[in-house]
Amino acid sequence: MQGRRAVKQALQQSDMNSLAIARQQVNEAKIALGERGAVWWKDGAPDYTRRMVEKTPYAEWYASYSRSR
């Protein structure tokens, strides 16, 4: 949020140098949070989307979870 506040302030003051620095701070924060950078969903792991849980490796866990509730 500090970077975003700095962007707002730089825009209000029309300070292009400070704006560039602030936007870099925002970009670095987003990369650190995983919002930017290498995508995590192309890691080669199988995609079980749109599959019944009983037909995935999570079937045993799901069955035990369902019974325990």
N, C-alpha and C. Protein backbone atom coordinates (compact mmCIF):
# COMPACT_ATOMS: atom_id res chain seq x y z
N MET A 1 0.83 -1.20 0.00
CA MET A 1 0.00 0.00 0.00
C MET A 1 0.86 1.26 0.00
N GLN A 2 2.03 1.17 0.57
CA GLN A 2 2.91 2.33 0.60
C GLN A 2 3.24 2.78 -0.83
N GLY A 3 3.51 1.82 -1.70
CA GLY A 3 3.80 2.14 -3.09
C GLY A 3 2.62 2.77 -3.80
N ARG A 4 1.44 2.26 -3.53
CA ARG A 4 0.23 2.81 -4.15
C ARG A 4 -0.04 4.23 -3.68
N ARG A 5 0.19 4.48 -2.40
CA ARG A 5 0.02 5.85 -1.90
C ARG A 5 1.03 6.78 -2.55
N ALA A 6 2.24 6.28 -2.76
CA ALA A 6 3.28 7.08 -3.41
C ALA A 6 2.90 7.38 -4.87
N VAL A 7 2.28 6.42 -5.54
CA VAL A 7 1.82 6.65 -6.92
C VAL A 7 0.78 7.77 -6.92
N LYS A 8 -0.17 7.69 -6.01
CA LYS A 8 -1.23 8.70 -5.93
C LYS A 8 -0.64 10.09 -5.69
N GLN A 9 0.29 10.16 -4.76
CA GLN A 9 0.90 11.45 -4.43
C GLN A 9 1.70 11.99 -5.62
N ALA A 10 2.45 11.13 -6.29
CA ALA A 10 3.24 11.56 -7.44
C ALA A 10 2.34 12.06 -8.57
N LEU A 11 1.22 11.39 -8.77
CA LEU A 11 0.28 11.84 -9.81
C LEU A 11 -0.32 13.20 -9.46
N GLN A 12 -0.67 13.37 -8.19
CA GLN A 12 -1.24 14.65 -7.76
C GLN A 12 -0.25 15.79 -7.94
N GLN A 13 1.03 15.51 -7.74
CA GLN A 13 2.07 16.53 -7.85
C GLN A 13 2.69 16.59 -9.25
N SER A 14 2.24 15.72 -10.14
CA SER A 14 2.79 15.64 -11.50
C SER A 14 4.31 15.44 -11.48
N ASP A 15 4.78 14.63 -10.55
CA ASP A 15 6.21 14.35 -10.40
C ASP A 15 6.52 13.02 -11.09
N MET A 16 6.96 13.09 -12.34
CA MET A 16 7.17 11.89 -13.15
C MET A 16 8.30 11.01 -12.63
N ASN A 17 9.33 11.61 -12.04
CA ASN A 17 10.43 10.82 -11.49
C ASN A 17 9.95 10.00 -10.29
N SER A 18 9.24 10.63 -9.39
CA SER A 18 8.70 9.92 -8.22
C SER A 18 7.67 8.89 -8.65
N LEU A 19 6.93 9.20 -9.69
CA LEU A 19 5.92 8.27 -10.19
C LEU A 19 6.57 6.99 -10.69
N ALA A 20 7.65 7.12 -11.42
CA ALA A 20 8.36 5.93 -11.93
C ALA A 20 8.89 5.08 -10.78
N ILE A 21 9.43 5.72 -9.77
CA ILE A 21 9.96 4.99 -8.60
C ILE A 21 8.82 4.29 -7.85
N ALA A 22 7.72 4.99 -7.66
CA ALA A 22 6.57 4.43 -6.95
C ALA A 22 5.98 3.25 -7.71
N ARG A 23 5.87 3.38 -9.02
CA ARG A 23 5.32 2.28 -9.82
C ARG A 23 6.25 1.06 -9.77
N GLN A 24 7.54 1.29 -9.69
CA GLN A 24 8.49 0.19 -9.56
C GLN A 24 8.28 -0.52 -8.22
N GLN A 25 8.03 0.26 -7.16
CA GLN A 25 7.76 -0.33 -5.85
C GLN A 25 6.50 -1.21 -5.90
N VAL A 26 5.47 -0.72 -6.57
CA VAL A 26 4.23 -1.48 -6.69
C VAL A 26 4.49 -2.77 -7.46
N ASN A 27 5.24 -2.67 -8.55
CA ASN A 27 5.56 -3.85 -9.35
C ASN A 27 6.32 -4.88 -8.54
N GLU A 28 7.32 -4.45 -7.79
CA GLU A 28 8.10 -5.37 -6.96
C GLU A 28 7.23 -6.05 -5.90
N ALA A 29 6.30 -5.30 -5.32
CA ALA A 29 5.40 -5.89 -4.32
C ALA A 29 4.50 -6.94 -4.96
N LYS A 30 3.98 -6.65 -6.15
CA LYS A 30 3.11 -7.59 -6.83
C LYS A 30 3.86 -8.86 -7.21
N ILE A 31 5.10 -8.73 -7.62
CA ILE A 31 5.91 -9.91 -7.94
C ILE A 31 6.12 -10.74 -6.68
N ALA A 32 6.44 -10.07 -5.57
CA ALA A 32 6.67 -10.78 -4.30
C ALA A 32 5.41 -11.51 -3.83
N LEU A 33 4.24 -10.95 -4.14
CA LEU A 33 2.98 -11.57 -3.74
C LEU A 33 2.50 -12.63 -4.72
N GLY A 34 3.21 -12.79 -5.83
CA GLY A 34 2.84 -13.78 -6.82
C GLY A 34 1.81 -13.31 -7.82
N GLU A 35 1.51 -12.01 -7.82
CA GLU A 35 0.53 -11.47 -8.75
C GLU A 35 1.13 -11.25 -10.14
N ARG A 36 2.43 -11.16 -10.21
CA ARG A 36 3.13 -10.99 -11.47
C ARG A 36 4.33 -11.92 -11.50
N GLY A 37 4.86 -12.12 -12.67
CA GLY A 37 6.01 -13.00 -12.80
C GLY A 37 5.61 -14.31 -13.45
N ALA A 38 6.38 -15.33 -13.20
CA ALA A 38 6.11 -16.64 -13.80
C ALA A 38 4.77 -17.18 -13.31
N VAL A 39 4.01 -17.75 -14.22
CA VAL A 39 2.70 -18.30 -13.85
C VAL A 39 2.88 -19.61 -13.10
N TRP A 40 2.08 -19.83 -12.10
CA TRP A 40 2.21 -21.03 -11.28
C TRP A 40 1.41 -22.19 -11.87
N TRP A 41 0.45 -21.91 -12.73
CA TRP A 41 -0.42 -22.97 -13.21
C TRP A 41 0.17 -23.74 -14.40
N LYS A 42 1.35 -23.39 -14.85
CA LYS A 42 2.00 -24.13 -15.92
C LYS A 42 3.22 -24.86 -15.36
N ASP A 43 3.03 -25.51 -14.22
CA ASP A 43 4.15 -26.18 -13.56
C ASP A 43 4.24 -27.66 -13.93
N GLY A 44 3.39 -28.11 -14.83
CA GLY A 44 3.42 -29.51 -15.26
C GLY A 44 2.57 -30.43 -14.41
N ALA A 45 1.98 -29.91 -13.35
CA ALA A 45 1.13 -30.74 -12.50
C ALA A 45 -0.17 -31.05 -13.23
N PRO A 46 -0.73 -32.24 -13.02
CA PRO A 46 -1.98 -32.59 -13.70
C PRO A 46 -3.12 -31.67 -13.27
N ASP A 47 -4.03 -31.42 -14.17
CA ASP A 47 -5.18 -30.56 -13.90
C ASP A 47 -6.41 -31.42 -13.63
N TYR A 48 -6.95 -31.34 -12.44
CA TYR A 48 -8.11 -32.14 -12.07
C TYR A 48 -9.40 -31.33 -12.13
N THR A 49 -9.36 -30.19 -12.78
CA THR A 49 -10.55 -29.37 -12.93
C THR A 49 -11.60 -30.15 -13.72
N ARG A 50 -12.83 -29.99 -13.32
CA ARG A 50 -13.97 -30.63 -13.98
C ARG A 50 -13.94 -32.16 -13.89
N ARG A 51 -13.35 -32.66 -12.86
CA ARG A 51 -13.34 -34.10 -12.63
C ARG A 51 -14.00 -34.37 -11.28
N MET A 52 -14.72 -35.45 -11.22
CA MET A 52 -15.31 -35.84 -9.94
C MET A 52 -14.18 -36.18 -8.99
N VAL A 53 -14.27 -35.72 -7.76
CA VAL A 53 -13.20 -35.93 -6.80
C VAL A 53 -12.91 -37.42 -6.61
N GLU A 54 -13.92 -38.25 -6.77
CA GLU A 54 -13.73 -39.69 -6.60
C GLU A 54 -12.80 -40.28 -7.66
N LYS A 55 -12.59 -39.55 -8.74
CA LYS A 55 -11.74 -40.04 -9.83
C LYS A 55 -10.40 -39.30 -9.89
N THR A 56 -9.98 -38.77 -8.75
CA THR A 56 -8.71 -38.06 -8.65
C THR A 56 -7.89 -38.66 -7.52
N PRO A 57 -6.63 -38.27 -7.40
CA PRO A 57 -5.82 -38.74 -6.27
C PRO A 57 -6.33 -38.26 -4.91
N TYR A 58 -7.30 -37.35 -4.90
CA TYR A 58 -7.83 -36.81 -3.65
C TYR A 58 -9.04 -37.60 -3.16
N ALA A 59 -9.40 -38.68 -3.84
CA ALA A 59 -10.60 -39.45 -3.51
C ALA A 59 -10.59 -39.96 -2.07
N GLU A 60 -9.48 -40.53 -1.65
CA GLU A 60 -9.40 -41.09 -0.29
C GLU A 60 -9.54 -39.98 0.76
N TRP A 61 -8.87 -38.88 0.54
CA TRP A 61 -8.98 -37.76 1.48
C TRP A 61 -10.41 -37.26 1.54
N TYR A 62 -11.04 -37.10 0.39
CA TYR A 62 -12.40 -36.59 0.34
C TYR A 62 -13.37 -37.52 1.07
N ALA A 63 -13.20 -38.82 0.85
CA ALA A 63 -14.08 -39.79 1.50
C ALA A 63 -13.93 -39.72 3.02
N SER A 64 -12.72 -39.60 3.51
CA SER A 64 -12.52 -39.52 4.97
C SER A 64 -13.01 -38.18 5.51
N TYR A 65 -12.87 -37.14 4.74
CA TYR A 65 -13.34 -35.81 5.17
C TYR A 65 -14.87 -35.79 5.26
N SER A 66 -15.51 -36.37 4.27
CA SER A 66 -16.97 -36.39 4.24
C SER A 66 -17.55 -37.15 5.43
N ARG A 67 -16.91 -38.26 5.80
CA ARG A 67 -17.40 -39.08 6.91
C ARG A 67 -17.17 -38.40 8.26
N SER A 68 -16.13 -37.60 8.35
CA SER A 68 -15.79 -37.00 9.65
C SER A 68 -16.68 -35.81 10.00
N ARG A 69 -17.46 -35.33 9.10
CA ARG A 69 -18.29 -34.14 9.36
C ARG A 69 -19.65 -34.50 9.84
